[in-house]
Amino acid sequence: MDHLKPSETNIMLVEDEESLLKLATHILEMQGYHVLGNPHSEAALRKAKNFPGRIHLLLTDVRMDPHMSGCKMAQQMRIARPDLQVLYMSAFPSSEIVKKEVEQGTAELLKKPFTPTVLLEAVKKALEHSVERSR
């Protein structure tokens, strides 16, 4: 099976809690991932639109800023990037949309709070699904 090397992997991270955004970015970058960090959905959508490379994974909070949920943002990003794999983060029970995406294999769910090890395992699993879907 083909595997993505962390140094070849672009992760769009969207988290409105600044401390968690910084911590998750640090953890992922220490493993070699290229992280496109954003505190808000609108900034993430702009960055995704202008980013010239492939975004392998969208790691986003389900409940975010008041403008847009993580689910809605993922739907909008998938218009231009239909192969986008999503890893949702949430401390709350998941919505029906998230449950459906997880069942279809187009998304994973990471429950908050999580440890660095759990974060990295969830990212790895989501990226493996991304590679499988792109075949």
N, C-alpha and C. Protein backbone atom coordinates (compact mmCIF):
# COMPACT_ATOMS: atom_id res chain seq x y z
N MET A 1 0.84 -1.18 0.00
CA MET A 1 0.00 0.00 0.00
C MET A 1 0.88 1.24 0.00
N ASP A 2 0.50 2.21 -0.81
CA ASP A 2 1.22 3.47 -0.85
C ASP A 2 0.95 4.25 0.43
N HIS A 3 2.00 4.90 0.93
CA HIS A 3 1.85 5.73 2.12
C HIS A 3 2.40 7.11 1.82
N LEU A 4 1.75 8.10 2.35
CA LEU A 4 2.25 9.46 2.24
C LEU A 4 3.29 9.67 3.32
N LYS A 5 4.40 10.29 2.96
CA LYS A 5 5.39 10.67 3.96
C LYS A 5 4.90 11.97 4.58
N PRO A 6 5.10 12.14 5.90
CA PRO A 6 4.67 13.40 6.52
C PRO A 6 5.19 14.64 5.80
N SER A 7 6.44 14.61 5.34
CA SER A 7 7.02 15.77 4.68
C SER A 7 6.35 16.10 3.35
N GLU A 8 5.58 15.16 2.83
CA GLU A 8 4.87 15.35 1.56
C GLU A 8 3.38 15.60 1.77
N THR A 9 2.98 15.79 3.02
CA THR A 9 1.57 15.84 3.37
C THR A 9 1.15 17.21 3.86
N ASN A 10 0.11 17.76 3.21
CA ASN A 10 -0.44 19.07 3.59
C ASN A 10 -1.73 18.87 4.37
N ILE A 11 -1.75 19.42 5.57
CA ILE A 11 -2.93 19.32 6.43
C ILE A 11 -3.48 20.72 6.68
N MET A 12 -4.75 20.91 6.32
CA MET A 12 -5.45 22.16 6.63
C MET A 12 -6.07 21.98 8.01
N LEU A 13 -5.59 22.75 8.97
CA LEU A 13 -6.07 22.67 10.35
C LEU A 13 -6.89 23.91 10.66
N VAL A 14 -8.14 23.70 11.08
CA VAL A 14 -9.02 24.82 11.39
C VAL A 14 -9.58 24.61 12.79
N GLU A 15 -9.20 25.51 13.68
CA GLU A 15 -9.60 25.42 15.09
C GLU A 15 -9.69 26.83 15.64
N ASP A 16 -10.85 27.17 16.20
CA ASP A 16 -11.04 28.54 16.69
C ASP A 16 -10.47 28.78 18.08
N GLU A 17 -10.12 27.73 18.80
CA GLU A 17 -9.47 27.89 20.10
C GLU A 17 -7.97 28.00 19.87
N GLU A 18 -7.44 29.21 20.06
CA GLU A 18 -6.05 29.51 19.69
C GLU A 18 -5.04 28.57 20.31
N SER A 19 -5.19 28.25 21.58
CA SER A 19 -4.21 27.38 22.24
C SER A 19 -4.20 25.98 21.62
N LEU A 20 -5.37 25.46 21.27
CA LEU A 20 -5.44 24.14 20.64
C LEU A 20 -4.90 24.19 19.21
N LEU A 21 -5.17 25.28 18.50
CA LEU A 21 -4.62 25.45 17.16
C LEU A 21 -3.10 25.42 17.20
N LYS A 22 -2.51 26.16 18.13
CA LYS A 22 -1.04 26.20 18.25
C LYS A 22 -0.48 24.84 18.66
N LEU A 23 -1.12 24.20 19.63
CA LEU A 23 -0.64 22.91 20.11
C LEU A 23 -0.71 21.84 19.02
N ALA A 24 -1.85 21.73 18.36
CA ALA A 24 -2.01 20.72 17.31
C ALA A 24 -1.05 20.99 16.15
N THR A 25 -0.88 22.27 15.80
CA THR A 25 0.08 22.62 14.75
C THR A 25 1.48 22.17 15.14
N HIS A 26 1.87 22.46 16.36
CA HIS A 26 3.20 22.07 16.85
C HIS A 26 3.38 20.55 16.80
N ILE A 27 2.41 19.81 17.30
CA ILE A 27 2.50 18.35 17.32
C ILE A 27 2.66 17.80 15.90
N LEU A 28 1.85 18.29 14.99
CA LEU A 28 1.90 17.80 13.61
C LEU A 28 3.20 18.20 12.91
N GLU A 29 3.63 19.44 13.12
CA GLU A 29 4.87 19.90 12.48
C GLU A 29 6.08 19.16 13.03
N MET A 30 6.05 18.79 14.30
CA MET A 30 7.16 18.02 14.87
C MET A 30 7.29 16.65 14.21
N GLN A 31 6.20 16.15 13.66
CA GLN A 31 6.22 14.88 12.93
C GLN A 31 6.54 15.06 11.46
N GLY A 32 6.69 16.32 11.02
CA GLY A 32 7.08 16.60 9.66
C GLY A 32 5.96 17.01 8.72
N TYR A 33 4.73 17.05 9.20
CA TYR A 33 3.61 17.46 8.35
C TYR A 33 3.69 18.95 8.04
N HIS A 34 3.21 19.33 6.88
CA HIS A 34 3.08 20.75 6.53
C HIS A 34 1.67 21.16 6.93
N VAL A 35 1.57 22.09 7.88
CA VAL A 35 0.27 22.48 8.43
C VAL A 35 -0.12 23.87 7.95
N LEU A 36 -1.31 23.96 7.42
CA LEU A 36 -1.91 25.23 7.03
C LEU A 36 -2.92 25.56 8.12
N GLY A 37 -2.49 26.30 9.13
CA GLY A 37 -3.34 26.57 10.29
C GLY A 37 -4.21 27.80 10.11
N ASN A 38 -5.45 27.69 10.59
CA ASN A 38 -6.41 28.78 10.46
C ASN A 38 -7.31 28.82 11.69
N PRO A 39 -7.57 30.03 12.20
CA PRO A 39 -8.46 30.13 13.35
C PRO A 39 -9.95 30.24 12.97
N HIS A 40 -10.25 30.45 11.69
CA HIS A 40 -11.64 30.66 11.27
C HIS A 40 -11.90 30.00 9.93
N SER A 41 -13.15 29.64 9.71
CA SER A 41 -13.54 28.95 8.49
C SER A 41 -13.33 29.80 7.24
N GLU A 42 -13.65 31.08 7.31
CA GLU A 42 -13.50 31.93 6.13
C GLU A 42 -12.04 32.03 5.69
N ALA A 43 -11.13 32.17 6.66
CA ALA A 43 -9.70 32.22 6.34
C ALA A 43 -9.24 30.89 5.73
N ALA A 44 -9.75 29.79 6.26
CA ALA A 44 -9.40 28.48 5.73
C ALA A 44 -9.88 28.30 4.29
N LEU A 45 -11.09 28.73 4.01
CA LEU A 45 -11.61 28.62 2.65
C LEU A 45 -10.79 29.45 1.67
N ARG A 46 -10.40 30.65 2.08
CA ARG A 46 -9.54 31.49 1.21
C ARG A 46 -8.20 30.81 0.98
N LYS A 47 -7.60 30.30 2.05
CA LYS A 47 -6.30 29.65 1.92
C LYS A 47 -6.40 28.41 1.04
N ALA A 48 -7.46 27.63 1.21
CA ALA A 48 -7.64 26.42 0.39
C ALA A 48 -7.81 26.78 -1.08
N LYS A 49 -8.54 27.86 -1.33
CA LYS A 49 -8.77 28.29 -2.72
C LYS A 49 -7.47 28.70 -3.39
N ASN A 50 -6.58 29.34 -2.65
CA ASN A 50 -5.34 29.86 -3.21
C ASN A 50 -4.15 28.92 -3.08
N PHE A 51 -4.30 27.83 -2.34
CA PHE A 51 -3.17 26.92 -2.14
C PHE A 51 -2.94 26.12 -3.41
N PRO A 52 -1.72 26.16 -3.96
CA PRO A 52 -1.48 25.52 -5.26
C PRO A 52 -1.35 24.00 -5.21
N GLY A 53 -1.02 23.45 -4.06
CA GLY A 53 -0.81 22.00 -3.96
C GLY A 53 -2.04 21.27 -3.50
N ARG A 54 -1.87 19.97 -3.32
CA ARG A 54 -2.96 19.13 -2.81
C ARG A 54 -3.06 19.30 -1.30
N ILE A 55 -4.26 19.39 -0.81
CA ILE A 55 -4.52 19.35 0.63
C ILE A 55 -4.98 17.92 0.90
N HIS A 56 -4.17 17.19 1.64
CA HIS A 56 -4.44 15.78 1.87
C HIS A 56 -5.48 15.53 2.94
N LEU A 57 -5.56 16.48 3.89
CA LEU A 57 -6.47 16.28 5.01
C LEU A 57 -6.95 17.61 5.55
N LEU A 58 -8.24 17.68 5.82
CA LEU A 58 -8.82 18.81 6.53
C LEU A 58 -9.08 18.33 7.95
N LEU A 59 -8.41 18.93 8.92
CA LEU A 59 -8.59 18.64 10.34
C LEU A 59 -9.30 19.83 10.94
N THR A 60 -10.57 19.65 11.30
CA THR A 60 -11.38 20.80 11.72
C THR A 60 -12.30 20.47 12.88
N ASP A 61 -12.54 21.48 13.68
CA ASP A 61 -13.52 21.38 14.74
C ASP A 61 -14.90 21.32 14.09
N VAL A 62 -15.81 20.56 14.68
CA VAL A 62 -17.17 20.48 14.16
C VAL A 62 -17.91 21.78 14.44
N ARG A 63 -17.86 22.23 15.68
CA ARG A 63 -18.51 23.48 16.07
C ARG A 63 -17.43 24.55 16.16
N MET A 64 -17.52 25.51 15.25
CA MET A 64 -16.48 26.51 15.19
C MET A 64 -17.03 27.90 15.37
N ASP A 65 -16.52 28.77 14.52
CA ASP A 65 -16.93 30.16 14.61
C ASP A 65 -18.40 30.30 14.20
N PRO A 66 -19.02 31.43 14.55
CA PRO A 66 -20.45 31.58 14.27
C PRO A 66 -20.80 31.66 12.79
N HIS A 67 -19.82 31.85 11.93
CA HIS A 67 -20.09 32.00 10.51
C HIS A 67 -20.39 30.68 9.81
N MET A 68 -19.74 29.59 10.30
CA MET A 68 -19.84 28.35 9.56
C MET A 68 -19.38 27.18 10.42
N SER A 69 -20.08 26.06 10.32
CA SER A 69 -19.65 24.85 11.03
C SER A 69 -18.53 24.17 10.25
N GLY A 70 -17.84 23.27 10.91
CA GLY A 70 -16.80 22.50 10.24
C GLY A 70 -17.36 21.66 9.11
N CYS A 71 -18.57 21.13 9.30
CA CYS A 71 -19.21 20.31 8.25
C CYS A 71 -19.49 21.14 7.01
N LYS A 72 -20.05 22.32 7.20
CA LYS A 72 -20.37 23.19 6.07
C LYS A 72 -19.08 23.62 5.35
N MET A 73 -18.04 23.93 6.12
CA MET A 73 -16.77 24.32 5.52
C MET A 73 -16.19 23.17 4.69
N ALA A 74 -16.26 21.95 5.22
CA ALA A 74 -15.75 20.78 4.49
C ALA A 74 -16.53 20.60 3.19
N GLN A 75 -17.84 20.78 3.23
CA GLN A 75 -18.65 20.66 2.02
C GLN A 75 -18.20 21.68 0.97
N GLN A 76 -17.95 22.91 1.40
CA GLN A 76 -17.51 23.95 0.46
C GLN A 76 -16.12 23.66 -0.09
N MET A 77 -15.22 23.16 0.75
CA MET A 77 -13.87 22.83 0.26
C MET A 77 -13.91 21.69 -0.74
N ARG A 78 -14.84 20.76 -0.53
CA ARG A 78 -14.92 19.60 -1.42
C ARG A 78 -15.43 19.96 -2.81
N ILE A 79 -16.00 21.13 -2.98
CA ILE A 79 -16.43 21.55 -4.32
C ILE A 79 -15.22 21.62 -5.24
N ALA A 80 -14.15 22.25 -4.76
CA ALA A 80 -12.92 22.37 -5.55
C ALA A 80 -11.96 21.20 -5.33
N ARG A 81 -12.12 20.52 -4.20
CA ARG A 81 -11.22 19.42 -3.84
C ARG A 81 -12.05 18.19 -3.44
N PRO A 82 -12.66 17.52 -4.43
CA PRO A 82 -13.58 16.43 -4.12
C PRO A 82 -12.94 15.24 -3.42
N ASP A 83 -11.63 15.08 -3.53
CA ASP A 83 -10.96 13.95 -2.88
C ASP A 83 -10.50 14.27 -1.46
N LEU A 84 -10.90 15.41 -0.93
CA LEU A 84 -10.47 15.85 0.39
C LEU A 84 -10.96 14.90 1.48
N GLN A 85 -10.04 14.40 2.27
CA GLN A 85 -10.38 13.58 3.44
C GLN A 85 -10.52 14.53 4.63
N VAL A 86 -11.46 14.24 5.52
CA VAL A 86 -11.75 15.12 6.64
C VAL A 86 -11.62 14.36 7.95
N LEU A 87 -11.00 15.01 8.91
CA LEU A 87 -10.93 14.51 10.28
C LEU A 87 -11.55 15.58 11.16
N TYR A 88 -12.75 15.29 11.66
CA TYR A 88 -13.45 16.23 12.53
C TYR A 88 -12.99 16.05 13.97
N MET A 89 -12.93 17.15 14.71
CA MET A 89 -12.65 17.13 16.14
C MET A 89 -13.89 17.66 16.85
N SER A 90 -14.25 17.03 17.95
CA SER A 90 -15.40 17.52 18.69
C SER A 90 -15.41 17.00 20.11
N ALA A 91 -15.85 17.84 21.01
CA ALA A 91 -16.06 17.44 22.40
C ALA A 91 -17.53 17.10 22.63
N PHE A 92 -18.35 17.28 21.61
CA PHE A 92 -19.79 17.08 21.72
C PHE A 92 -20.22 15.89 20.87
N PRO A 93 -21.39 15.35 21.14
CA PRO A 93 -21.89 14.27 20.27
C PRO A 93 -21.93 14.74 18.82
N SER A 94 -21.62 13.84 17.92
CA SER A 94 -21.54 14.26 16.52
C SER A 94 -22.91 14.43 15.88
N SER A 95 -22.92 15.30 14.90
CA SER A 95 -24.13 15.57 14.14
C SER A 95 -24.41 14.40 13.19
N GLU A 96 -25.59 14.40 12.63
CA GLU A 96 -25.96 13.36 11.66
C GLU A 96 -25.07 13.43 10.42
N ILE A 97 -24.68 14.64 10.03
CA ILE A 97 -23.81 14.80 8.86
C ILE A 97 -22.47 14.13 9.12
N VAL A 98 -21.89 14.37 10.30
CA VAL A 98 -20.60 13.77 10.64
C VAL A 98 -20.74 12.25 10.68
N LYS A 99 -21.77 11.75 11.32
CA LYS A 99 -21.98 10.30 11.40
C LYS A 99 -22.08 9.67 10.01
N LYS A 100 -22.80 10.34 9.11
CA LYS A 100 -22.96 9.82 7.74
C LYS A 100 -21.62 9.79 7.01
N GLU A 101 -20.83 10.87 7.15
CA GLU A 101 -19.53 10.91 6.48
C GLU A 101 -18.58 9.84 7.02
N VAL A 102 -18.62 9.61 8.34
CA VAL A 102 -17.78 8.58 8.94
C VAL A 102 -18.19 7.20 8.40
N GLU A 103 -19.50 6.95 8.33
CA GLU A 103 -19.99 5.68 7.79
C GLU A 103 -19.58 5.48 6.33
N GLN A 104 -19.56 6.57 5.55
CA GLN A 104 -19.20 6.48 4.13
C GLN A 104 -17.69 6.40 3.92
N GLY A 105 -16.91 6.66 4.97
CA GLY A 105 -15.46 6.61 4.85
C GLY A 105 -14.85 7.88 4.32
N THR A 106 -15.62 8.96 4.24
CA THR A 106 -15.07 10.23 3.75
C THR A 106 -14.62 11.14 4.88
N ALA A 107 -14.81 10.67 6.12
CA ALA A 107 -14.39 11.46 7.27
C ALA A 107 -14.14 10.54 8.46
N GLU A 108 -13.39 11.06 9.40
CA GLU A 108 -13.12 10.39 10.67
C GLU A 108 -13.52 11.37 11.77
N LEU A 109 -13.64 10.86 13.00
CA LEU A 109 -13.99 11.70 14.13
C LEU A 109 -12.99 11.49 15.25
N LEU A 110 -12.45 12.59 15.75
CA LEU A 110 -11.50 12.61 16.86
C LEU A 110 -12.18 13.32 18.02
N LYS A 111 -12.37 12.61 19.12
CA LYS A 111 -13.06 13.20 20.27
C LYS A 111 -12.08 14.00 21.12
N LYS A 112 -12.53 15.21 21.49
CA LYS A 112 -11.76 16.06 22.39
C LYS A 112 -12.14 15.72 23.82
N PRO A 113 -11.26 15.86 24.75
CA PRO A 113 -9.84 16.18 24.60
C PRO A 113 -9.08 14.94 24.13
N PHE A 114 -7.92 15.16 23.55
CA PHE A 114 -7.11 14.07 23.05
C PHE A 114 -5.65 14.31 23.40
N THR A 115 -4.89 13.26 23.39
CA THR A 115 -3.45 13.34 23.64
C THR A 115 -2.72 13.51 22.31
N PRO A 116 -1.47 13.92 22.34
CA PRO A 116 -0.71 13.99 21.08
C PRO A 116 -0.68 12.65 20.35
N THR A 117 -0.53 11.57 21.07
CA THR A 117 -0.49 10.24 20.44
C THR A 117 -1.80 9.93 19.74
N VAL A 118 -2.90 10.21 20.40
CA VAL A 118 -4.22 9.95 19.80
C VAL A 118 -4.41 10.83 18.56
N LEU A 119 -4.00 12.09 18.62
CA LEU A 119 -4.09 12.98 17.46
C LEU A 119 -3.31 12.40 16.28
N LEU A 120 -2.07 12.00 16.53
CA LEU A 120 -1.23 11.48 15.44
C LEU A 120 -1.78 10.17 14.87
N GLU A 121 -2.33 9.32 15.73
CA GLU A 121 -2.94 8.07 15.25
C GLU A 121 -4.16 8.36 14.39
N ALA A 122 -4.98 9.33 14.79
CA ALA A 122 -6.17 9.68 14.02
C ALA A 122 -5.80 10.29 12.67
N VAL A 123 -4.78 11.13 12.66
CA VAL A 123 -4.32 11.72 11.40
C VAL A 123 -3.80 10.63 10.46
N LYS A 124 -3.01 9.72 11.00
CA LYS A 124 -2.47 8.63 10.18
C LYS A 124 -3.59 7.79 9.59
N LYS A 125 -4.59 7.45 10.41
CA LYS A 125 -5.72 6.65 9.93
C LYS A 125 -6.49 7.39 8.84
N ALA A 126 -6.75 8.68 9.05
CA ALA A 126 -7.48 9.46 8.05
C ALA A 126 -6.69 9.56 6.74
N LEU A 127 -5.38 9.73 6.85
CA LEU A 127 -4.55 9.81 5.64
C LEU A 127 -4.51 8.47 4.90
N GLU A 128 -4.53 7.37 5.63
CA GLU A 128 -4.59 6.05 4.98
C GLU A 128 -5.88 5.92 4.19
N HIS A 129 -6.99 6.41 4.75
CA HIS A 129 -8.26 6.38 4.01
C HIS A 129 -8.18 7.27 2.77
N SER A 130 -7.48 8.38 2.90
CA SER A 130 -7.32 9.30 1.77
C SER A 130 -6.58 8.61 0.63
N VAL A 131 -5.51 7.88 0.95
CA VAL A 131 -4.74 7.17 -0.07
C VAL A 131 -5.61 6.09 -0.71
N GLU A 132 -6.37 5.35 0.09
CA GLU A 132 -7.24 4.31 -0.44
C GLU A 132 -8.30 4.88 -1.38
N ARG A 133 -8.88 6.01 -1.01
CA ARG A 133 -9.94 6.63 -1.83
C ARG A 133 -9.39 7.19 -3.14
N SER A 134 -8.11 7.60 -3.15
CA SER A 134 -7.56 8.23 -4.36
C SER A 134 -7.12 7.21 -5.40
N ARG A 135 -7.20 5.93 -5.08
CA ARG A 135 -6.79 4.89 -6.04
C ARG A 135 -7.82 4.68 -7.12
